[in-house]
Amino acid sequence: MNPIIQVLQANNIAQAQINDIFTELTTNPLMAMNTIASLGIPQEQLQPVMMQVMTNPGLIKEAVQELGLDVEAMEKAKQAFQQEKE
């Protein structure tokens, strides 16, 4: 299982909220980090996972696939978001 999902589930985060977080991670990673930080997950659990994500961003895509979310739709949303920023 994906380490990000494991930490969220271990801290009793609802599955619907986990899906929302990963949707947000693919479209607006900075906002998603704020959302994750607001969940009350102990820093000693969260920090190692966030370091893994920073060194291996593919973990987010793996988690999105594991959750059965639409990777292509998320990629399109991410591209649209990046174009808006420019």
N, C-alpha and C. Protein backbone atom coordinates (compact mmCIF):
# COMPACT_ATOMS: atom_id res chain seq x y z
N MET A 1 0.85 -1.18 0.00
CA MET A 1 0.00 0.00 0.00
C MET A 1 0.89 1.25 0.00
N ASN A 2 0.40 2.26 -0.64
CA ASN A 2 1.11 3.53 -0.74
C ASN A 2 1.32 4.12 0.66
N PRO A 3 2.54 4.61 0.96
CA PRO A 3 2.81 5.12 2.31
C PRO A 3 1.98 6.35 2.70
N ILE A 4 1.60 7.15 1.72
CA ILE A 4 0.77 8.32 2.04
C ILE A 4 -0.62 7.86 2.48
N ILE A 5 -1.18 6.93 1.73
CA ILE A 5 -2.50 6.39 2.08
C ILE A 5 -2.45 5.72 3.44
N GLN A 6 -1.37 4.98 3.71
CA GLN A 6 -1.23 4.29 4.99
C GLN A 6 -1.30 5.28 6.16
N VAL A 7 -0.57 6.37 6.05
CA VAL A 7 -0.54 7.35 7.15
C VAL A 7 -1.92 7.97 7.33
N LEU A 8 -2.58 8.30 6.22
CA LEU A 8 -3.91 8.91 6.32
C LEU A 8 -4.91 7.93 6.95
N GLN A 9 -4.89 6.68 6.50
CA GLN A 9 -5.81 5.69 7.06
C GLN A 9 -5.50 5.38 8.52
N ALA A 10 -4.22 5.33 8.86
CA ALA A 10 -3.83 5.06 10.25
C ALA A 10 -4.30 6.15 11.19
N ASN A 11 -4.54 7.34 10.64
CA ASN A 11 -5.02 8.46 11.45
C ASN A 11 -6.52 8.70 11.28
N ASN A 12 -7.21 7.64 10.85
CA ASN A 12 -8.68 7.64 10.75
C ASN A 12 -9.24 8.73 9.85
N ILE A 13 -8.54 9.00 8.74
CA ILE A 13 -9.05 9.94 7.75
C ILE A 13 -10.02 9.17 6.86
N ALA A 14 -11.21 9.70 6.67
CA ALA A 14 -12.25 9.04 5.87
C ALA A 14 -11.79 8.85 4.43
N GLN A 15 -12.23 7.74 3.82
CA GLN A 15 -11.84 7.43 2.45
C GLN A 15 -12.21 8.55 1.48
N ALA A 16 -13.38 9.13 1.64
CA ALA A 16 -13.79 10.23 0.75
C ALA A 16 -12.85 11.41 0.88
N GLN A 17 -12.40 11.68 2.10
CA GLN A 17 -11.47 12.79 2.32
C GLN A 17 -10.09 12.47 1.73
N ILE A 18 -9.68 11.22 1.81
CA ILE A 18 -8.42 10.79 1.20
C ILE A 18 -8.48 11.02 -0.32
N ASN A 19 -9.60 10.63 -0.93
CA ASN A 19 -9.77 10.85 -2.37
C ASN A 19 -9.69 12.33 -2.70
N ASP A 20 -10.34 13.15 -1.89
CA ASP A 20 -10.31 14.60 -2.11
C ASP A 20 -8.89 15.15 -2.00
N ILE A 21 -8.14 14.65 -1.03
CA ILE A 21 -6.77 15.10 -0.83
C ILE A 21 -5.92 14.79 -2.06
N PHE A 22 -6.08 13.58 -2.61
CA PHE A 22 -5.28 13.23 -3.77
C PHE A 22 -5.72 13.97 -5.02
N THR A 23 -6.98 14.28 -5.12
CA THR A 23 -7.43 15.12 -6.23
C THR A 23 -6.77 16.48 -6.11
N GLU A 24 -6.74 16.99 -4.89
CA GLU A 24 -6.12 18.30 -4.63
C GLU A 24 -4.60 18.24 -4.84
N LEU A 25 -3.98 17.13 -4.45
CA LEU A 25 -2.52 16.98 -4.63
C LEU A 25 -2.13 17.05 -6.09
N THR A 26 -2.99 16.54 -6.96
CA THR A 26 -2.63 16.54 -8.38
C THR A 26 -2.96 17.87 -9.05
N THR A 27 -3.87 18.63 -8.48
CA THR A 27 -4.24 19.89 -9.12
C THR A 27 -3.60 21.11 -8.46
N ASN A 28 -3.43 21.05 -7.14
CA ASN A 28 -2.86 22.18 -6.42
C ASN A 28 -2.08 21.66 -5.20
N PRO A 29 -0.86 21.19 -5.44
CA PRO A 29 -0.08 20.56 -4.36
C PRO A 29 0.13 21.43 -3.13
N LEU A 30 0.33 22.72 -3.30
CA LEU A 30 0.55 23.59 -2.14
C LEU A 30 -0.68 23.65 -1.25
N MET A 31 -1.84 23.77 -1.86
CA MET A 31 -3.09 23.80 -1.08
C MET A 31 -3.31 22.45 -0.40
N ALA A 32 -2.97 21.37 -1.10
CA ALA A 32 -3.14 20.04 -0.52
C ALA A 32 -2.26 19.86 0.70
N MET A 33 -1.05 20.41 0.67
CA MET A 33 -0.16 20.31 1.83
C MET A 33 -0.78 21.03 3.03
N ASN A 34 -1.42 22.16 2.78
CA ASN A 34 -2.10 22.86 3.87
C ASN A 34 -3.26 22.02 4.41
N THR A 35 -3.99 21.38 3.51
CA THR A 35 -5.10 20.53 3.92
C THR A 35 -4.59 19.38 4.78
N ILE A 36 -3.52 18.73 4.32
CA ILE A 36 -2.95 17.60 5.06
C ILE A 36 -2.45 18.07 6.43
N ALA A 37 -1.80 19.22 6.47
CA ALA A 37 -1.29 19.75 7.73
C ALA A 37 -2.42 20.04 8.72
N SER A 38 -3.60 20.38 8.21
CA SER A 38 -4.72 20.71 9.08
C SER A 38 -5.45 19.48 9.63
N LEU A 39 -5.04 18.29 9.21
CA LEU A 39 -5.73 17.07 9.64
C LEU A 39 -5.36 16.61 11.05
N GLY A 40 -4.33 17.20 11.60
CA GLY A 40 -3.92 16.83 12.96
C GLY A 40 -3.08 15.58 13.04
N ILE A 41 -2.46 15.20 11.93
CA ILE A 41 -1.59 14.02 11.93
C ILE A 41 -0.29 14.41 12.62
N PRO A 42 0.17 13.58 13.56
CA PRO A 42 1.42 13.91 14.27
C PRO A 42 2.58 14.14 13.30
N GLN A 43 3.34 15.17 13.55
CA GLN A 43 4.44 15.57 12.68
C GLN A 43 5.44 14.44 12.46
N GLU A 44 5.69 13.64 13.50
CA GLU A 44 6.67 12.55 13.36
C GLU A 44 6.19 11.47 12.39
N GLN A 45 4.89 11.38 12.14
CA GLN A 45 4.37 10.44 11.14
C GLN A 45 4.31 11.08 9.76
N LEU A 46 3.97 12.34 9.73
CA LEU A 46 3.75 13.03 8.47
C LEU A 46 5.04 13.42 7.76
N GLN A 47 6.02 13.87 8.50
CA GLN A 47 7.25 14.38 7.90
C GLN A 47 7.99 13.34 7.05
N PRO A 48 8.19 12.10 7.54
CA PRO A 48 8.89 11.12 6.69
C PRO A 48 8.17 10.83 5.38
N VAL A 49 6.83 10.81 5.42
CA VAL A 49 6.06 10.54 4.21
C VAL A 49 6.20 11.70 3.23
N MET A 50 6.15 12.92 3.74
CA MET A 50 6.28 14.08 2.86
C MET A 50 7.68 14.13 2.24
N MET A 51 8.69 13.69 2.97
CA MET A 51 10.04 13.62 2.42
C MET A 51 10.09 12.59 1.28
N GLN A 52 9.39 11.46 1.45
CA GLN A 52 9.33 10.45 0.39
C GLN A 52 8.67 11.03 -0.86
N VAL A 53 7.61 11.80 -0.67
CA VAL A 53 6.90 12.40 -1.80
C VAL A 53 7.81 13.39 -2.52
N MET A 54 8.58 14.16 -1.76
CA MET A 54 9.47 15.14 -2.37
C MET A 54 10.58 14.47 -3.18
N THR A 55 11.05 13.33 -2.72
CA THR A 55 12.12 12.64 -3.42
C THR A 55 11.59 11.70 -4.50
N ASN A 56 10.32 11.32 -4.39
CA ASN A 56 9.70 10.42 -5.37
C ASN A 56 8.26 10.88 -5.64
N PRO A 57 8.09 11.92 -6.46
CA PRO A 57 6.75 12.44 -6.74
C PRO A 57 5.82 11.41 -7.38
N GLY A 58 6.39 10.35 -7.92
CA GLY A 58 5.57 9.28 -8.51
C GLY A 58 4.66 8.61 -7.50
N LEU A 59 4.96 8.78 -6.21
CA LEU A 59 4.11 8.20 -5.16
C LEU A 59 2.69 8.75 -5.24
N ILE A 60 2.56 10.01 -5.64
CA ILE A 60 1.23 10.61 -5.74
C ILE A 60 0.45 9.93 -6.86
N LYS A 61 1.08 9.75 -8.01
CA LYS A 61 0.42 9.09 -9.13
C LYS A 61 0.05 7.66 -8.76
N GLU A 62 0.96 6.95 -8.08
CA GLU A 62 0.68 5.58 -7.65
C GLU A 62 -0.54 5.54 -6.72
N ALA A 63 -0.59 6.49 -5.81
CA ALA A 63 -1.72 6.53 -4.87
C ALA A 63 -3.02 6.83 -5.60
N VAL A 64 -2.97 7.74 -6.56
CA VAL A 64 -4.17 8.08 -7.35
C VAL A 64 -4.67 6.83 -8.07
N GLN A 65 -3.76 6.07 -8.65
CA GLN A 65 -4.14 4.83 -9.33
C GLN A 65 -4.68 3.81 -8.33
N GLU A 66 -4.04 3.69 -7.18
CA GLU A 66 -4.46 2.74 -6.16
C GLU A 66 -5.87 3.06 -5.67
N LEU A 67 -6.19 4.35 -5.60
CA LEU A 67 -7.51 4.77 -5.14
C LEU A 67 -8.57 4.67 -6.24
N GLY A 68 -8.13 4.39 -7.47
CA GLY A 68 -9.07 4.25 -8.56
C GLY A 68 -9.58 5.59 -9.09
N LEU A 69 -8.80 6.64 -8.86
CA LEU A 69 -9.20 7.96 -9.35
C LEU A 69 -8.74 8.11 -10.80
N ASP A 70 -9.33 9.04 -11.52
CA ASP A 70 -9.04 9.25 -12.94
C ASP A 70 -7.75 10.04 -13.10
N VAL A 71 -6.67 9.33 -13.43
CA VAL A 71 -5.35 9.95 -13.56
C VAL A 71 -5.33 10.95 -14.71
N GLU A 72 -5.93 10.59 -15.83
CA GLU A 72 -5.92 11.49 -17.00
C GLU A 72 -6.65 12.80 -16.71
N ALA A 73 -7.79 12.72 -16.06
CA ALA A 73 -8.54 13.94 -15.72
C ALA A 73 -7.73 14.81 -14.78
N MET A 74 -7.02 14.18 -13.85
CA MET A 74 -6.21 14.94 -12.91
C MET A 74 -5.02 15.59 -13.61
N GLU A 75 -4.43 14.89 -14.57
CA GLU A 75 -3.32 15.46 -15.32
C GLU A 75 -3.78 16.68 -16.12
N LYS A 76 -4.97 16.59 -16.72
CA LYS A 76 -5.51 17.72 -17.48
C LYS A 76 -5.77 18.90 -16.56
N ALA A 77 -6.32 18.62 -15.39
CA ALA A 77 -6.59 19.69 -14.43
C ALA A 77 -5.28 20.34 -13.97
N LYS A 78 -4.27 19.52 -13.78
CA LYS A 78 -2.96 20.03 -13.36
C LYS A 78 -2.38 20.95 -14.44
N GLN A 79 -2.47 20.53 -15.69
CA GLN A 79 -1.96 21.34 -16.79
C GLN A 79 -2.72 22.66 -16.89
N ALA A 80 -4.04 22.59 -16.73
CA ALA A 80 -4.86 23.81 -16.79
C ALA A 80 -4.47 24.76 -15.66
N PHE A 81 -4.23 24.20 -14.48
CA PHE A 81 -3.84 25.01 -13.33
C PHE A 81 -2.49 25.68 -13.59
N GLN A 82 -1.55 24.94 -14.16
CA GLN A 82 -0.23 25.50 -14.44
C GLN A 82 -0.31 26.60 -15.49
N GLN A 83 -1.17 26.45 -16.48
CA GLN A 83 -1.33 27.47 -17.51
C GLN A 83 -1.93 28.73 -16.94
N GLU A 84 -2.85 28.59 -15.98
CA GLU A 84 -3.45 29.75 -15.32
C GLU A 84 -2.42 30.54 -14.55
N LYS A 85 -1.44 29.86 -13.97
CA LYS A 85 -0.41 30.51 -13.18
C LYS A 85 0.53 31.33 -14.06
N GLU A 86 0.66 30.96 -15.32
CA GLU A 86 1.60 31.64 -16.23
C GLU A 86 1.04 32.88 -16.78
